[in-house]
């Protein structure tokens, strides 16, 4: 399975990420499938298209899966996921267990040597869950910082194409990750196959801990966070604690597009603050004062991925005997305001 090349990609979850990825892939004339909930699948099929705006602007036709190249094939039935295909889960972290259960019950066939799965969720728990369900040979490490948000009118605002990384959890470059990265690049999505995907995953997890921890509690946009020295110091303190957990787990963080975590850890914080405060505002978000996904969810009254991102880091730190008092405090505060645990009124 490690060397099986996928003839296309499929995505599970029709939120902003799932719709953005599939619309861009279809617009490039390639085959792509989107597994949605019955309600969302019906809405997309009735609308007949996925609409993107922001750093990209396009409308892509949708049809019932399986669909022709250039069309987003939409289905609510996981049994209709194509054989021999890489399937990327793009649900929220707290939705992942149920999504995995629904897919694994009917897909893939035991003899499907080309199929594989990956998760685009924040944090590193996702890979453990996928491995438990599908087995280690089936799982590809995946990370993205493509940013988007769903608008009330159904359009998806893409705030940044960012970068997407795919790699074998055991390390090294494989045919399937190289092919998937090539497919994404053809769709205009910056992507690469990484020989050390665990470093990418943990580096992104460090960044997510800092971004979410500060933004959710202050409602700060990403550009504003990095313009305010005190907020940047808070971000860096959380990044350093998360990096200590990565190190205890045997992973060395690195520098990647829009999250140069190795540099943040190695150089003095005041130097980083000067560098970030002098950077052009909103360079990674097309100039948009975008809010991180967890902050968007908080303001919309939706459940938060606090357990999948922050609690998981705290739990791993506890098991490794690494003190993380700041992460623990932020985790507790965010759990205390999670709309799913404490609904308004």
C-alpha atoms as a PDB file:
ATOM      1  CA  UNK A   1       0.000   0.000   0.000  1.00  0.00           C
ATOM      2  CA  UNK A   2       2.862   2.397   0.683  1.00  0.00           C
ATOM      3  CA  UNK A   3       3.786   2.570  -2.986  1.00  0.00           C
ATOM      4  CA  UNK A   4       0.254   2.610  -4.413  1.00  0.00           C
ATOM      5  CA  UNK A   5      -0.419   5.730  -6.486  1.00  0.00           C
ATOM      6  CA  UNK A   6      -3.846   7.288  -6.246  1.00  0.00           C
ATOM      7  CA  UNK A   7      -5.789   8.108  -9.432  1.00  0.00           C
ATOM      8  CA  UNK A   8      -7.491  10.982  -7.628  1.00  0.00           C
ATOM      9  CA  UNK A   9      -8.421  12.305  -4.239  1.00  0.00           C
ATOM     10  CA  UNK A  10     -11.548  12.292  -2.119  1.00  0.00           C
ATOM     11  CA  UNK A  11     -12.411  14.415   0.914  1.00  0.00           C
ATOM     12  CA  UNK A  12     -14.573  13.621   3.920  1.00  0.00           C
ATOM     13  CA  UNK A  13     -16.279  16.705   5.327  1.00  0.00           C
ATOM     14  CA  UNK A  14     -17.869  19.522   3.334  1.00  0.00           C
ATOM     15  CA  UNK A  15     -16.907  22.456   5.506  1.00  0.00           C
ATOM     16  CA  UNK A  16     -14.725  25.282   4.240  1.00  0.00           C
ATOM     17  CA  UNK A  17     -11.661  23.060   3.796  1.00  0.00           C
ATOM     18  CA  UNK A  18     -13.433  20.223   2.031  1.00  0.00           C
ATOM     19  CA  UNK A  19     -15.249  22.540  -0.349  1.00  0.00           C
ATOM     20  CA  UNK A  20     -12.163  24.655  -1.081  1.00  0.00           C
ATOM     21  CA  UNK A  21      -9.931  21.680  -1.858  1.00  0.00           C
ATOM     22  CA  UNK A  22     -12.464  19.866  -4.019  1.00  0.00           C
ATOM     23  CA  UNK A  23     -13.504  22.980  -5.951  1.00  0.00           C
ATOM     24  CA  UNK A  24      -9.890  23.821  -6.795  1.00  0.00           C
ATOM     25  CA  UNK A  25      -9.083  20.238  -7.798  1.00  0.00           C
ATOM     26  CA  UNK A  26     -12.174  19.967  -9.992  1.00  0.00           C
ATOM     27  CA  UNK A  27     -11.497  23.380 -11.561  1.00  0.00           C
ATOM     28  CA  UNK A  28      -8.128  22.022 -12.721  1.00  0.00           C
ATOM     29  CA  UNK A  29      -9.918  19.266 -14.646  1.00  0.00           C
ATOM     30  CA  UNK A  30      -9.201  16.427 -12.245  1.00  0.00           C
ATOM     31  CA  UNK A  31     -11.344  13.760 -10.597  1.00  0.00           C
ATOM     32  CA  UNK A  32     -12.423  14.492  -7.029  1.00  0.00           C
ATOM     33  CA  UNK A  33     -15.120  13.257  -4.650  1.00  0.00           C
ATOM     34  CA  UNK A  34     -16.624  15.011  -1.620  1.00  0.00           C
ATOM     35  CA  UNK A  35     -18.362  13.002   1.122  1.00  0.00           C
ATOM     36  CA  UNK A  36     -20.813  15.258   2.981  1.00  0.00           C
ATOM     37  CA  UNK A  37     -23.588  14.832   5.501  1.00  0.00           C
ATOM     38  CA  UNK A  38     -26.989  14.135   3.908  1.00  0.00           C
ATOM     39  CA  UNK A  39     -28.142  17.707   4.608  1.00  0.00           C
ATOM     40  CA  UNK A  40     -25.037  19.338   3.158  1.00  0.00           C
ATOM     41  CA  UNK A  41     -24.916  16.969   0.176  1.00  0.00           C
ATOM     42  CA  UNK A  42     -28.521  17.812  -0.673  1.00  0.00           C
ATOM     43  CA  UNK A  43     -27.817  21.542  -0.357  1.00  0.00           C
ATOM     44  CA  UNK A  44     -24.733  21.389  -2.580  1.00  0.00           C
ATOM     45  CA  UNK A  45     -26.478  19.296  -5.240  1.00  0.00           C
ATOM     46  CA  UNK A  46     -29.443  21.678  -5.219  1.00  0.00           C
ATOM     47  CA  UNK A  47     -27.115  24.671  -5.603  1.00  0.00           C
ATOM     48  CA  UNK A  48     -25.269  22.887  -8.399  1.00  0.00           C
ATOM     49  CA  UNK A  49     -21.925  24.458  -7.595  1.00  0.00           C
ATOM     50  CA  UNK A  50     -19.288  25.321  -5.014  1.00  0.00           C
ATOM     51  CA  UNK A  51     -18.439  29.020  -4.923  1.00  0.00           C
ATOM     52  CA  UNK A  52     -15.054  30.312  -3.761  1.00  0.00           C
ATOM     53  CA  UNK A  53     -13.988  33.901  -3.220  1.00  0.00           C
ATOM     54  CA  UNK A  54     -11.079  35.667  -1.552  1.00  0.00           C
ATOM     55  CA  UNK A  55      -7.558  34.881  -2.754  1.00  0.00           C
ATOM     56  CA  UNK A  56      -9.217  32.731  -5.432  1.00  0.00           C
ATOM     57  CA  UNK A  57     -12.535  33.358  -7.151  1.00  0.00           C
ATOM     58  CA  UNK A  58     -14.321  30.566  -9.002  1.00  0.00           C
ATOM     59  CA  UNK A  59     -17.505  28.550  -9.279  1.00  0.00           C
ATOM     60  CA  UNK A  60     -17.158  24.803  -9.763  1.00  0.00           C
ATOM     61  CA  UNK A  61     -19.987  22.539 -10.880  1.00  0.00           C
ATOM     62  CA  UNK A  62     -21.092  19.718  -8.580  1.00  0.00           C
ATOM     63  CA  UNK A  63     -22.954  16.520  -9.431  1.00  0.00           C
ATOM     64  CA  UNK A  64     -23.794  13.241  -7.777  1.00  0.00           C
ATOM     65  CA  UNK A  65     -20.740  11.018  -7.386  1.00  0.00           C
ATOM     66  CA  UNK A  66     -19.167   9.468  -9.330  1.00  0.00           C
ATOM     67  CA  UNK A  67     -18.720  12.602 -11.427  1.00  0.00           C
ATOM     68  CA  UNK A  68     -16.710  13.399 -14.527  1.00  0.00           C
ATOM     69  CA  UNK A  69     -13.309  15.118 -14.308  1.00  0.00           C
ATOM     70  CA  UNK A  70     -13.760  18.836 -13.702  1.00  0.00           C
ATOM     71  CA  UNK A  71     -16.848  18.323 -11.529  1.00  0.00           C
ATOM     72  CA  UNK A  72     -17.027  17.885  -7.762  1.00  0.00           C
ATOM     73  CA  UNK A  73     -18.656  14.506  -7.201  1.00  0.00           C
ATOM     74  CA  UNK A  74     -20.818  14.822  -4.074  1.00  0.00           C
ATOM     75  CA  UNK A  75     -22.240  11.956  -2.038  1.00  0.00           C
ATOM     76  CA  UNK A  76     -23.532  11.240   1.449  1.00  0.00           C
ATOM     77  CA  UNK A  77     -22.762   7.531   1.134  1.00  0.00           C
ATOM     78  CA  UNK A  78     -19.216   6.490   2.130  1.00  0.00           C
ATOM     79  CA  UNK A  79     -19.636   3.306   0.083  1.00  0.00           C
ATOM     80  CA  UNK A  80     -19.438   5.542  -3.008  1.00  0.00           C
ATOM     81  CA  UNK A  81     -15.888   6.662  -2.215  1.00  0.00           C
ATOM     82  CA  UNK A  82     -13.744   5.521  -5.163  1.00  0.00           C
ATOM     83  CA  UNK A  83     -11.437   2.542  -4.974  1.00  0.00           C
ATOM     84  CA  UNK A  84      -7.706   3.145  -5.241  1.00  0.00           C
ATOM     85  CA  UNK A  85      -8.065   6.702  -3.999  1.00  0.00           C
ATOM     86  CA  UNK A  86      -6.454   8.766  -1.272  1.00  0.00           C
ATOM     87  CA  UNK A  87      -9.133   9.955   1.146  1.00  0.00           C
ATOM     88  CA  UNK A  88      -8.396  13.041   3.228  1.00  0.00           C
ATOM     89  CA  UNK A  89     -10.586  13.699   6.260  1.00  0.00           C
ATOM     90  CA  UNK A  90     -11.380  17.415   6.486  1.00  0.00           C
ATOM     91  CA  UNK A  91     -13.931  17.395   9.303  1.00  0.00           C
ATOM     92  CA  UNK A  92     -13.528  19.241  12.579  1.00  0.00           C
ATOM     93  CA  UNK A  93     -11.434  17.328  15.080  1.00  0.00           C
ATOM     94  CA  UNK A  94     -14.385  16.481  17.306  1.00  0.00           C
ATOM     95  CA  UNK A  95     -16.243  15.041  14.302  1.00  0.00           C
ATOM     96  CA  UNK A  96     -13.380  12.795  13.227  1.00  0.00           C
ATOM     97  CA  UNK A  97     -14.157   9.675  15.259  1.00  0.00           C
ATOM     98  CA  UNK A  98     -17.693   9.432  13.881  1.00  0.00           C
ATOM     99  CA  UNK A  99     -16.504  10.162  10.344  1.00  0.00           C
ATOM    100  CA  UNK A 100     -13.850   7.452  10.567  1.00  0.00           C
ATOM    101  CA  UNK A 101     -16.382   4.947  11.873  1.00  0.00           C
ATOM    102  CA  UNK A 102     -18.797   5.683   9.026  1.00  0.00           C
ATOM    103  CA  UNK A 103     -16.145   5.342   6.333  1.00  0.00           C
ATOM    104  CA  UNK A 104     -14.297   2.357   7.771  1.00  0.00           C
ATOM    105  CA  UNK A 105     -17.499   0.302   7.943  1.00  0.00           C
ATOM    106  CA  UNK A 106     -17.770   0.218   4.134  1.00  0.00           C
ATOM    107  CA  UNK A 107     -14.479   1.465   2.634  1.00  0.00           C
ATOM    108  CA  UNK A 108     -11.945   0.444   1.448  1.00  0.00           C
ATOM    109  CA  UNK A 109     -12.206  -3.082   0.206  1.00  0.00           C
ATOM    110  CA  UNK A 110      -9.616  -5.345   1.838  1.00  0.00           C
ATOM    111  CA  UNK A 111      -7.988  -5.945  -1.556  1.00  0.00           C
ATOM    112  CA  UNK A 112      -7.767  -2.265  -2.509  1.00  0.00           C
ATOM    113  CA  UNK A 113      -3.990  -1.814  -2.526  1.00  0.00           C
ATOM    114  CA  UNK A 114      -4.134   1.755  -3.874  1.00  0.00           C
ATOM    115  CA  UNK A 115      -6.312   3.293  -1.173  1.00  0.00           C
ATOM    116  CA  UNK A 116      -4.954   5.374   1.711  1.00  0.00           C
ATOM    117  CA  UNK A 117      -6.212   7.901   4.242  1.00  0.00           C
ATOM    118  CA  UNK A 118      -4.971  11.079   5.895  1.00  0.00           C
ATOM    119  CA  UNK A 119      -6.317  13.768   8.204  1.00  0.00           C
ATOM    120  CA  UNK A 120      -6.174  17.548   7.779  1.00  0.00           C
ATOM    121  CA  UNK A 121      -7.322  18.319  11.330  1.00  0.00           C
ATOM    122  CA  UNK A 122      -5.241  20.384  13.741  1.00  0.00           C
ATOM    123  CA  UNK A 123      -3.060  18.562  16.254  1.00  0.00           C
ATOM    124  CA  UNK A 124      -1.509  15.089  16.116  1.00  0.00           C
ATOM    125  CA  UNK A 125      -4.297  12.993  17.646  1.00  0.00           C
ATOM    126  CA  UNK A 126      -5.880  12.543  14.218  1.00  0.00           C
ATOM    127  CA  UNK A 127      -3.106  10.238  13.040  1.00  0.00           C
ATOM    128  CA  UNK A 128      -3.498   7.999  16.086  1.00  0.00           C
ATOM    129  CA  UNK A 129      -7.230   7.690  15.425  1.00  0.00           C
ATOM    130  CA  UNK A 130      -6.754   6.916  11.734  1.00  0.00           C
ATOM    131  CA  UNK A 131      -4.071   4.346  12.483  1.00  0.00           C
ATOM    132  CA  UNK A 132      -6.256   2.613  15.053  1.00  0.00           C
ATOM    133  CA  UNK A 133      -9.090   2.336  12.528  1.00  0.00           C
ATOM    134  CA  UNK A 134      -7.299   1.617   9.254  1.00  0.00           C
ATOM    135  CA  UNK A 135      -3.876   0.284  10.269  1.00  0.00           C
ATOM    136  CA  UNK A 136      -0.531   2.044   9.940  1.00  0.00           C
ATOM    137  CA  UNK A 137       0.104   1.018   6.309  1.00  0.00           C
ATOM    138  CA  UNK A 138      -3.038   2.829   5.174  1.00  0.00           C
ATOM    139  CA  UNK A 139      -2.275   6.181   6.845  1.00  0.00           C
ATOM    140  CA  UNK A 140      -0.447   9.139   5.324  1.00  0.00           C
ATOM    141  CA  UNK A 141       0.514  12.115   7.464  1.00  0.00           C
ATOM    142  CA  UNK A 142      -1.114  15.317   6.192  1.00  0.00           C
ATOM    143  CA  UNK A 143      -1.058  18.956   7.231  1.00  0.00           C
ATOM    144  CA  UNK A 144      -2.409  22.108   5.619  1.00  0.00           C
ATOM    145  CA  UNK A 145      -2.575  25.783   6.374  1.00  0.00           C
ATOM    146  CA  UNK A 146      -4.985  26.552   3.554  1.00  0.00           C
ATOM    147  CA  UNK A 147      -7.374  28.944   5.262  1.00  0.00           C
ATOM    148  CA  UNK A 148     -11.061  29.432   4.639  1.00  0.00           C
ATOM    149  CA  UNK A 149     -14.382  30.200   6.206  1.00  0.00           C
ATOM    150  CA  UNK A 150     -17.950  29.488   5.173  1.00  0.00           C
ATOM    151  CA  UNK A 151     -20.133  32.567   4.728  1.00  0.00           C
ATOM    152  CA  UNK A 152     -23.870  32.818   5.532  1.00  0.00           C
ATOM    153  CA  UNK A 153     -24.697  32.786   1.805  1.00  0.00           C
ATOM    154  CA  UNK A 154     -22.900  29.447   1.381  1.00  0.00           C
ATOM    155  CA  UNK A 155     -19.821  30.818  -0.345  1.00  0.00           C
ATOM    156  CA  UNK A 156     -16.374  29.872   0.929  1.00  0.00           C
ATOM    157  CA  UNK A 157     -13.925  32.706   1.532  1.00  0.00           C
ATOM    158  CA  UNK A 158     -10.417  31.389   0.946  1.00  0.00           C
ATOM    159  CA  UNK A 159      -8.086  33.576   2.993  1.00  0.00           C
ATOM    160  CA  UNK A 160      -4.844  31.813   2.094  1.00  0.00           C
ATOM    161  CA  UNK A 161      -3.710  28.896  -0.047  1.00  0.00           C
ATOM    162  CA  UNK A 162      -0.894  28.441   2.454  1.00  0.00           C
ATOM    163  CA  UNK A 163       0.914  25.145   2.022  1.00  0.00           C
ATOM    164  CA  UNK A 164      -0.083  21.487   2.246  1.00  0.00           C
ATOM    165  CA  UNK A 165       2.276  18.677   3.218  1.00  0.00           C
ATOM    166  CA  UNK A 166       1.941  14.906   2.769  1.00  0.00           C
ATOM    167  CA  UNK A 167       4.333  12.233   3.983  1.00  0.00           C
ATOM    168  CA  UNK A 168       4.763   8.745   5.307  1.00  0.00           C
ATOM    169  CA  UNK A 169       4.527   8.604   9.093  1.00  0.00           C
ATOM    170  CA  UNK A 170       7.480   6.214   9.134  1.00  0.00           C
ATOM    171  CA  UNK A 171       9.519   8.746   7.141  1.00  0.00           C
ATOM    172  CA  UNK A 172      10.720   8.971   3.583  1.00  0.00           C
ATOM    173  CA  UNK A 173       9.166   9.817   0.228  1.00  0.00           C
ATOM    174  CA  UNK A 174       6.646   7.477  -1.414  1.00  0.00           C
ATOM    175  CA  UNK A 175       4.914   7.236  -4.757  1.00  0.00           C
ATOM    176  CA  UNK A 176       1.494   7.940  -3.250  1.00  0.00           C
ATOM    177  CA  UNK A 177       2.510  11.109  -1.402  1.00  0.00           C
ATOM    178  CA  UNK A 178       4.450  12.414  -4.393  1.00  0.00           C
ATOM    179  CA  UNK A 179       1.460  11.765  -6.685  1.00  0.00           C
ATOM    180  CA  UNK A 180      -0.981  13.447  -4.300  1.00  0.00           C
ATOM    181  CA  UNK A 181       1.234  16.510  -3.919  1.00  0.00           C
ATOM    182  CA  UNK A 182       1.529  16.761  -7.711  1.00  0.00           C
ATOM    183  CA  UNK A 183      -2.263  16.564  -8.038  1.00  0.00           C
ATOM    184  CA  UNK A 184      -2.686  19.408  -5.527  1.00  0.00           C
ATOM    185  CA  UNK A 185      -0.082  21.577  -7.240  1.00  0.00           C
ATOM    186  CA  UNK A 186      -1.899  21.091 -10.552  1.00  0.00           C
ATOM    187  CA  UNK A 187      -4.944  22.551  -8.773  1.00  0.00           C
ATOM    188  CA  UNK A 188      -2.932  25.626  -7.773  1.00  0.00           C
ATOM    189  CA  UNK A 189      -2.543  24.500  -4.159  1.00  0.00           C
ATOM    190  CA  UNK A 190       1.067  24.773  -2.919  1.00  0.00           C
ATOM    191  CA  UNK A 191       1.953  21.240  -1.816  1.00  0.00           C
ATOM    192  CA  UNK A 192       4.938  19.011  -1.264  1.00  0.00           C
ATOM    193  CA  UNK A 193       5.778  15.482  -0.208  1.00  0.00           C
ATOM    194  CA  UNK A 194       7.791  15.634   3.004  1.00  0.00           C
ATOM    195  CA  UNK A 195      10.380  13.092   4.053  1.00  0.00           C
ATOM    196  CA  UNK A 196       9.831  14.049   7.703  1.00  0.00           C
ATOM    197  CA  UNK A 197       6.098  14.576   8.023  1.00  0.00           C
ATOM    198  CA  UNK A 198       6.148  14.074  11.799  1.00  0.00           C
ATOM    199  CA  UNK A 199       8.244  17.242  12.099  1.00  0.00           C
ATOM    200  CA  UNK A 200       5.690  19.094   9.970  1.00  0.00           C
ATOM    201  CA  UNK A 201       2.759  17.753  12.011  1.00  0.00           C
ATOM    202  CA  UNK A 202       4.278  18.646  15.356  1.00  0.00           C
ATOM    203  CA  UNK A 203       5.465  22.050  14.124  1.00  0.00           C
ATOM    204  CA  UNK A 204       1.953  22.847  12.994  1.00  0.00           C
ATOM    205  CA  UNK A 205       0.609  21.575  16.329  1.00  0.00           C
ATOM    206  CA  UNK A 206       2.951  23.980  18.157  1.00  0.00           C
ATOM    207  CA  UNK A 207       1.727  26.830  15.988  1.00  0.00           C
ATOM    208  CA  UNK A 208      -1.924  25.865  16.509  1.00  0.00           C
ATOM    209  CA  UNK A 209      -1.471  25.773  20.293  1.00  0.00           C
ATOM    210  CA  UNK A 210      -0.099  29.312  20.244  1.00  0.00           C
ATOM    211  CA  UNK A 211      -2.516  30.763  17.697  1.00  0.00           C
ATOM    212  CA  UNK A 212      -5.650  29.217  19.205  1.00  0.00           C
ATOM    213  CA  UNK A 213      -4.573  29.803  22.778  1.00  0.00           C
ATOM    214  CA  UNK A 214      -4.131  33.538  22.227  1.00  0.00           C
ATOM    215  CA  UNK A 215      -6.797  34.279  19.635  1.00  0.00           C
ATOM    216  CA  UNK A 216      -9.691  32.401  21.255  1.00  0.00           C
ATOM    217  CA  UNK A 217      -9.129  34.194  24.559  1.00  0.00           C
ATOM    218  CA  UNK A 218      -8.564  37.663  23.040  1.00  0.00           C
ATOM    219  CA  UNK A 219     -10.617  37.468  19.794  1.00  0.00           C
ATOM    220  CA  UNK A 220      -7.525  38.746  17.973  1.00  0.00           C
ATOM    221  CA  UNK A 221      -7.105  38.146  14.256  1.00  0.00           C
ATOM    222  CA  UNK A 222      -3.883  36.509  13.131  1.00  0.00           C
ATOM    223  CA  UNK A 223      -2.348  39.736  11.734  1.00  0.00           C
ATOM    224  CA  UNK A 224      -3.300  41.641  14.891  1.00  0.00           C
ATOM    225  CA  UNK A 225      -1.796  38.928  17.099  1.00  0.00           C
ATOM    226  CA  UNK A 226       1.577  39.331  15.413  1.00  0.00           C
ATOM    227  CA  UNK A 227       1.401  43.145  15.467  1.00  0.00           C
ATOM    228  CA  UNK A 228       0.927  43.240  19.256  1.00  0.00           C
ATOM    229  CA  UNK A 229       4.156  42.444  21.162  1.00  0.00           C
ATOM    230  CA  UNK A 230       2.366  41.222  24.292  1.00  0.00           C
ATOM    231  CA  UNK A 231       0.154  38.853  22.305  1.00  0.00           C
ATOM    232  CA  UNK A 232       3.192  37.623  20.381  1.00  0.00           C
ATOM    233  CA  UNK A 233       4.996  36.918  23.663  1.00  0.00           C
ATOM    234  CA  UNK A 234       2.006  34.893  24.845  1.00  0.00           C
ATOM    235  CA  UNK A 235       1.973  32.996  21.540  1.00  0.00           C
ATOM    236  CA  UNK A 236       5.683  32.222  21.789  1.00  0.00           C
ATOM    237  CA  UNK A 237       5.371  30.992  25.381  1.00  0.00           C
ATOM    238  CA  UNK A 238       2.750  28.454  24.289  1.00  0.00           C
ATOM    239  CA  UNK A 239       4.822  27.442  21.259  1.00  0.00           C
ATOM    240  CA  UNK A 240       7.837  26.777  23.503  1.00  0.00           C
ATOM    241  CA  UNK A 241       5.844  24.550  25.826  1.00  0.00           C
ATOM    242  CA  UNK A 242       4.338  22.628  22.913  1.00  0.00           C
ATOM    243  CA  UNK A 243       7.822  22.190  21.429  1.00  0.00           C
ATOM    244  CA  UNK A 244       9.016  20.679  24.694  1.00  0.00           C
ATOM    245  CA  UNK A 245       6.296  18.043  24.319  1.00  0.00           C
ATOM    246  CA  UNK A 246       7.389  17.347  20.722  1.00  0.00           C
ATOM    247  CA  UNK A 247      10.987  16.928  21.869  1.00  0.00           C
ATOM    248  CA  UNK A 248       9.899  14.533  24.632  1.00  0.00           C
ATOM    249  CA  UNK A 249       8.091  12.514  21.935  1.00  0.00           C
ATOM    250  CA  UNK A 250      11.284  12.315  19.881  1.00  0.00           C
ATOM    251  CA  UNK A 251      10.353  14.891  17.245  1.00  0.00           C
ATOM    252  CA  UNK A 252      12.461  17.875  16.226  1.00  0.00           C
ATOM    253  CA  UNK A 253      10.318  20.748  14.995  1.00  0.00           C
ATOM    254  CA  UNK A 254      11.331  22.643  11.863  1.00  0.00           C
ATOM    255  CA  UNK A 255      10.681  25.757   9.806  1.00  0.00           C
ATOM    256  CA  UNK A 256       7.761  25.586   7.367  1.00  0.00           C
ATOM    257  CA  UNK A 257       5.728  28.061   5.334  1.00  0.00           C
ATOM    258  CA  UNK A 258       4.050  30.521   7.739  1.00  0.00           C
ATOM    259  CA  UNK A 259       5.079  28.534  10.832  1.00  0.00           C
ATOM    260  CA  UNK A 260       8.890  28.672  11.255  1.00  0.00           C
ATOM    261  CA  UNK A 261       8.739  26.999  14.666  1.00  0.00           C
ATOM    262  CA  UNK A 262      12.423  25.998  14.863  1.00  0.00           C
ATOM    263  CA  UNK A 263      13.408  29.646  14.446  1.00  0.00           C
ATOM    264  CA  UNK A 264      10.867  30.788  17.029  1.00  0.00           C
ATOM    265  CA  UNK A 265      12.238  28.310  19.561  1.00  0.00           C
ATOM    266  CA  UNK A 266      15.936  28.903  18.900  1.00  0.00           C
ATOM    267  CA  UNK A 267      16.151  32.696  18.771  1.00  0.00           C
ATOM    268  CA  UNK A 268      15.314  35.207  21.531  1.00  0.00           C
ATOM    269  CA  UNK A 269      11.651  36.156  21.704  1.00  0.00           C
ATOM    270  CA  UNK A 270      12.360  39.880  21.381  1.00  0.00           C
ATOM    271  CA  UNK A 271      14.120  39.250  18.073  1.00  0.00           C
ATOM    272  CA  UNK A 272      11.084  37.354  16.797  1.00  0.00           C
ATOM    273  CA  UNK A 273       8.776  40.136  17.997  1.00  0.00           C
ATOM    274  CA  UNK A 274      10.808  42.734  16.094  1.00  0.00           C
ATOM    275  CA  UNK A 275      10.799  40.587  12.964  1.00  0.00           C
ATOM    276  CA  UNK A 276       7.057  39.957  13.074  1.00  0.00           C
ATOM    277  CA  UNK A 277       6.094  43.531  13.908  1.00  0.00           C
ATOM    278  CA  UNK A 278       8.061  44.722  10.882  1.00  0.00           C
ATOM    279  CA  UNK A 279       6.529  42.212   8.482  1.00  0.00           C
ATOM    280  CA  UNK A 280       3.827  43.385   6.049  1.00  0.00           C
ATOM    281  CA  UNK A 281       0.419  43.006   7.706  1.00  0.00           C
ATOM    282  CA  UNK A 282      -1.609  40.040   6.580  1.00  0.00           C
ATOM    283  CA  UNK A 283       0.968  38.656   4.160  1.00  0.00           C
ATOM    284  CA  UNK A 284      -0.200  35.088   4.706  1.00  0.00           C
ATOM    285  CA  UNK A 285      -3.884  35.918   4.511  1.00  0.00           C
ATOM    286  CA  UNK A 286      -4.122  38.106   1.444  1.00  0.00           C
ATOM    287  CA  UNK A 287      -4.390  41.186   3.668  1.00  0.00           C
ATOM    288  CA  UNK A 288      -7.550  39.860   5.327  1.00  0.00           C
ATOM    289  CA  UNK A 289      -7.872  40.254   9.102  1.00  0.00           C
ATOM    290  CA  UNK A 290      -8.768  36.601   9.287  1.00  0.00           C
ATOM    291  CA  UNK A 291      -9.681  34.813  12.481  1.00  0.00           C
ATOM    292  CA  UNK A 292      -8.319  31.334  13.249  1.00  0.00           C
ATOM    293  CA  UNK A 293     -10.835  28.532  12.799  1.00  0.00           C
ATOM    294  CA  UNK A 294     -11.330  27.933  16.528  1.00  0.00           C
ATOM    295  CA  UNK A 295     -12.042  31.621  17.104  1.00  0.00           C
ATOM    296  CA  UNK A 296     -14.543  31.567  14.230  1.00  0.00           C
ATOM    297  CA  UNK A 297     -16.245  28.615  15.891  1.00  0.00           C
ATOM    298  CA  UNK A 298     -16.389  30.341  19.268  1.00  0.00           C
ATOM    299  CA  UNK A 299     -17.983  33.478  17.838  1.00  0.00           C
ATOM    300  CA  UNK A 300     -20.471  31.369  15.879  1.00  0.00           C
ATOM    301  CA  UNK A 301     -21.449  29.424  18.988  1.00  0.00           C
ATOM    302  CA  UNK A 302     -20.056  26.142  17.650  1.00  0.00           C
ATOM    303  CA  UNK A 303     -18.128  23.442  19.509  1.00  0.00           C
ATOM    304  CA  UNK A 304     -14.361  23.954  19.826  1.00  0.00           C
ATOM    305  CA  UNK A 305     -11.504  21.582  18.984  1.00  0.00           C
ATOM    306  CA  UNK A 306      -9.925  22.265  22.372  1.00  0.00           C
ATOM    307  CA  UNK A 307      -9.634  18.613  23.414  1.00  0.00           C
ATOM    308  CA  UNK A 308      -8.241  17.445  20.083  1.00  0.00           C
ATOM    309  CA  UNK A 309      -5.562  20.180  20.033  1.00  0.00           C
ATOM    310  CA  UNK A 310      -4.790  21.494  23.523  1.00  0.00           C
ATOM    311  CA  UNK A 311      -5.983  18.709  25.833  1.00  0.00           C
ATOM    312  CA  UNK A 312      -4.131  16.151  23.718  1.00  0.00           C
ATOM    313  CA  UNK A 313      -0.889  18.115  24.107  1.00  0.00           C
ATOM    314  CA  UNK A 314      -1.411  18.398  27.866  1.00  0.00           C
ATOM    315  CA  UNK A 315      -2.125  14.661  28.113  1.00  0.00           C
ATOM    316  CA  UNK A 316       1.018  13.799  26.149  1.00  0.00           C
ATOM    317  CA  UNK A 317       3.036  16.148  28.347  1.00  0.00           C
ATOM    318  CA  UNK A 318       1.673  14.457  31.471  1.00  0.00           C
ATOM    319  CA  UNK A 319       2.633  11.030  30.144  1.00  0.00           C
ATOM    320  CA  UNK A 320       6.133  12.271  29.297  1.00  0.00           C
ATOM    321  CA  UNK A 321       6.598  14.098  32.605  1.00  0.00           C
ATOM    322  CA  UNK A 322       6.958  17.491  30.891  1.00  0.00           C
ATOM    323  CA  UNK A 323       5.547  20.515  32.775  1.00  0.00           C
ATOM    324  CA  UNK A 324       3.256  22.667  30.595  1.00  0.00           C
ATOM    325  CA  UNK A 325       1.565  25.129  33.010  1.00  0.00           C
ATOM    326  CA  UNK A 326       0.682  27.706  30.334  1.00  0.00           C
ATOM    327  CA  UNK A 327      -0.849  25.171  27.988  1.00  0.00           C
ATOM    328  CA  UNK A 328      -2.783  23.678  30.887  1.00  0.00           C
ATOM    329  CA  UNK A 329      -4.129  27.083  31.949  1.00  0.00           C
ATOM    330  CA  UNK A 330      -5.136  28.017  28.397  1.00  0.00           C
ATOM    331  CA  UNK A 331      -6.726  24.587  27.884  1.00  0.00           C
ATOM    332  CA  UNK A 332      -8.793  25.025  31.043  1.00  0.00           C
ATOM    333  CA  UNK A 333      -9.886  28.563  30.129  1.00  0.00           C
ATOM    334  CA  UNK A 334     -10.943  27.590  26.623  1.00  0.00           C
ATOM    335  CA  UNK A 335     -12.801  24.517  27.856  1.00  0.00           C
ATOM    336  CA  UNK A 336     -14.587  26.852  30.259  1.00  0.00           C
ATOM    337  CA  UNK A 337     -15.950  28.991  27.406  1.00  0.00           C
ATOM    338  CA  UNK A 338     -16.561  26.185  24.904  1.00  0.00           C
ATOM    339  CA  UNK A 339     -20.140  26.711  23.615  1.00  0.00           C
ATOM    340  CA  UNK A 340     -20.555  22.942  23.347  1.00  0.00           C
ATOM    341  CA  UNK A 341     -19.950  22.528  27.090  1.00  0.00           C
ATOM    342  CA  UNK A 342     -21.543  25.792  28.206  1.00  0.00           C
ATOM    343  CA  UNK A 343     -24.270  26.833  25.753  1.00  0.00           C
ATOM    344  CA  UNK A 344     -25.401  30.475  25.953  1.00  0.00           C
ATOM    345  CA  UNK A 345     -28.246  31.219  28.358  1.00  0.00           C
END
